[in-house]
Amino acid sequence: MERVVLTAEQRLAVEQVVGIGVRWTVGGSSDLLREKVIAELHAVTRDGVVLGVALGTVLAAADMDGWRPYRTLAEVYRDAGADEHVAAAELAWQRAHSPGRGSRG
């Protein structure tokens, strides 16, 4: 699969969305309700492509180490409107090109 081509604005949004996900899973925000996390994501973007790249990234990370919170975060990205086709493309790209890395780099 080809890697999804993002605009500069979308790349920035991906970084922000992933940052929210990190704060929610490993930071001090893990006690926030899912709905509040989704609202925070939507304050950044509702772009399914952006959320799909974030979803593919977290699925790649889950594949690498199996940490359960990654799977939970993946469901949050899905609930927020992540494009599953974009996520699949990003996951495939990361599997093929970024072994051992969990970011879009």
Protein backbone atom coordinates (compact mmCIF):
# COMPACT_ATOMS: atom_id res chain seq x y z
CA MET A 1 0.00 0.00 0.00
CA GLU A 2 1.05 3.55 -0.64
CA ARG A 3 1.62 5.92 2.23
CA VAL A 4 -1.07 8.54 2.67
CA VAL A 5 0.09 11.96 1.48
CA LEU A 6 -0.77 14.68 3.97
CA THR A 7 -0.76 18.45 3.73
CA ALA A 8 1.36 20.42 6.19
CA GLU A 9 -1.80 21.27 8.11
CA GLN A 10 -2.78 17.60 8.33
CA ARG A 11 0.71 16.59 9.49
CA LEU A 12 0.48 19.15 12.30
CA ALA A 13 -2.97 17.86 13.23
CA VAL A 14 -1.65 14.27 13.31
CA GLU A 15 1.07 15.34 15.74
CA GLN A 16 -1.52 17.06 17.94
CA VAL A 17 -3.91 14.09 17.83
CA VAL A 18 -1.13 11.64 18.67
CA GLY A 19 -0.07 13.95 21.52
CA ILE A 20 -3.59 13.86 22.94
CA GLY A 21 -3.53 10.08 22.67
CA VAL A 22 -0.21 9.84 24.49
CA ARG A 23 -1.45 12.11 27.27
CA TRP A 24 -4.60 10.02 27.59
CA THR A 25 -2.85 6.65 27.67
CA VAL A 26 0.36 7.34 29.60
CA GLY A 27 0.04 10.86 30.91
CA GLY A 28 -2.02 12.34 33.68
CA SER A 29 -5.17 12.41 31.53
CA SER A 30 -5.96 8.71 31.54
CA ASP A 31 -8.85 9.27 33.94
CA LEU A 32 -10.70 11.46 31.43
CA LEU A 33 -13.87 10.00 30.04
CA ARG A 34 -13.72 8.76 26.48
CA GLU A 35 -16.25 11.41 25.42
CA LYS A 36 -14.00 14.18 26.74
CA VAL A 37 -11.00 12.77 24.89
CA ILE A 38 -13.03 12.61 21.69
CA ALA A 39 -14.14 16.20 22.23
CA GLU A 40 -10.49 17.20 22.67
CA LEU A 41 -9.60 15.38 19.44
CA HIS A 42 -12.47 17.09 17.64
CA ALA A 43 -11.25 20.47 18.88
CA VAL A 44 -8.12 19.76 16.84
CA THR A 45 -9.73 18.04 13.84
CA ARG A 46 -12.61 15.96 12.59
CA ASP A 47 -10.64 14.99 9.48
CA GLY A 48 -11.01 11.23 9.06
CA VAL A 49 -7.70 11.09 7.20
CA VAL A 50 -5.82 12.69 10.10
CA LEU A 51 -7.55 10.44 12.62
CA GLY A 52 -6.92 7.47 10.32
CA VAL A 53 -3.18 8.12 10.25
CA ALA A 54 -3.22 8.36 14.05
CA LEU A 55 -5.17 5.09 14.19
CA GLY A 56 -2.72 3.33 11.88
CA THR A 57 0.17 4.62 13.97
CA VAL A 58 -1.28 3.36 17.24
CA LEU A 59 -2.13 -0.01 15.68
CA ALA A 60 1.50 -0.30 14.52
CA ALA A 61 2.64 0.49 18.05
CA ALA A 62 0.25 -2.13 19.45
CA ASP A 63 1.68 -4.69 17.02
CA MET A 64 5.19 -3.93 18.23
CA ASP A 65 4.68 -4.38 21.93
CA GLY A 66 1.10 -5.49 22.55
CA TRP A 67 0.48 -2.85 25.20
CA ARG A 68 -3.29 -2.99 25.86
CA PRO A 69 -3.86 0.80 26.18
CA TYR A 70 -2.86 1.16 22.51
CA ARG A 71 -5.88 -0.97 21.55
CA THR A 72 -8.10 1.16 23.78
CA LEU A 73 -6.75 4.31 22.15
CA ALA A 74 -7.40 2.78 18.72
CA GLU A 75 -11.07 2.46 19.66
CA VAL A 76 -11.14 6.11 20.71
CA TYR A 77 -9.70 7.15 17.34
CA ARG A 78 -12.32 4.99 15.62
CA ASP A 79 -15.09 6.54 17.69
CA ALA A 80 -13.74 9.99 16.79
CA GLY A 81 -14.16 9.21 13.08
CA ALA A 82 -10.88 7.72 11.87
CA ASP A 83 -10.94 6.53 8.28
CA GLU A 84 -10.31 2.77 8.42
CA HIS A 85 -8.88 2.64 4.88
CA VAL A 86 -6.36 5.34 5.72
CA ALA A 87 -5.51 3.53 8.95
CA ALA A 88 -4.94 0.28 7.05
CA ALA A 89 -2.66 2.05 4.56
CA GLU A 90 -0.66 3.71 7.35
CA LEU A 91 -0.39 0.45 9.28
CA ALA A 92 0.81 -1.40 6.17
CA TRP A 93 3.32 1.34 5.39
CA GLN A 94 4.68 1.31 8.93
CA ARG A 95 4.96 -2.47 8.94
CA ALA A 96 6.89 -2.37 5.67
CA HIS A 97 9.08 0.68 6.26
CA SER A 98 9.40 1.44 9.93
CA PRO A 99 10.15 -1.74 11.84
CA GLY A 100 10.64 -0.95 15.50
CA ARG A 101 9.22 2.55 15.20
CA GLY A 102 5.77 3.73 16.24
CA SER A 103 5.66 7.18 14.68
CA ARG A 104 5.16 8.59 11.24
CA GLY A 105 8.74 9.91 11.40
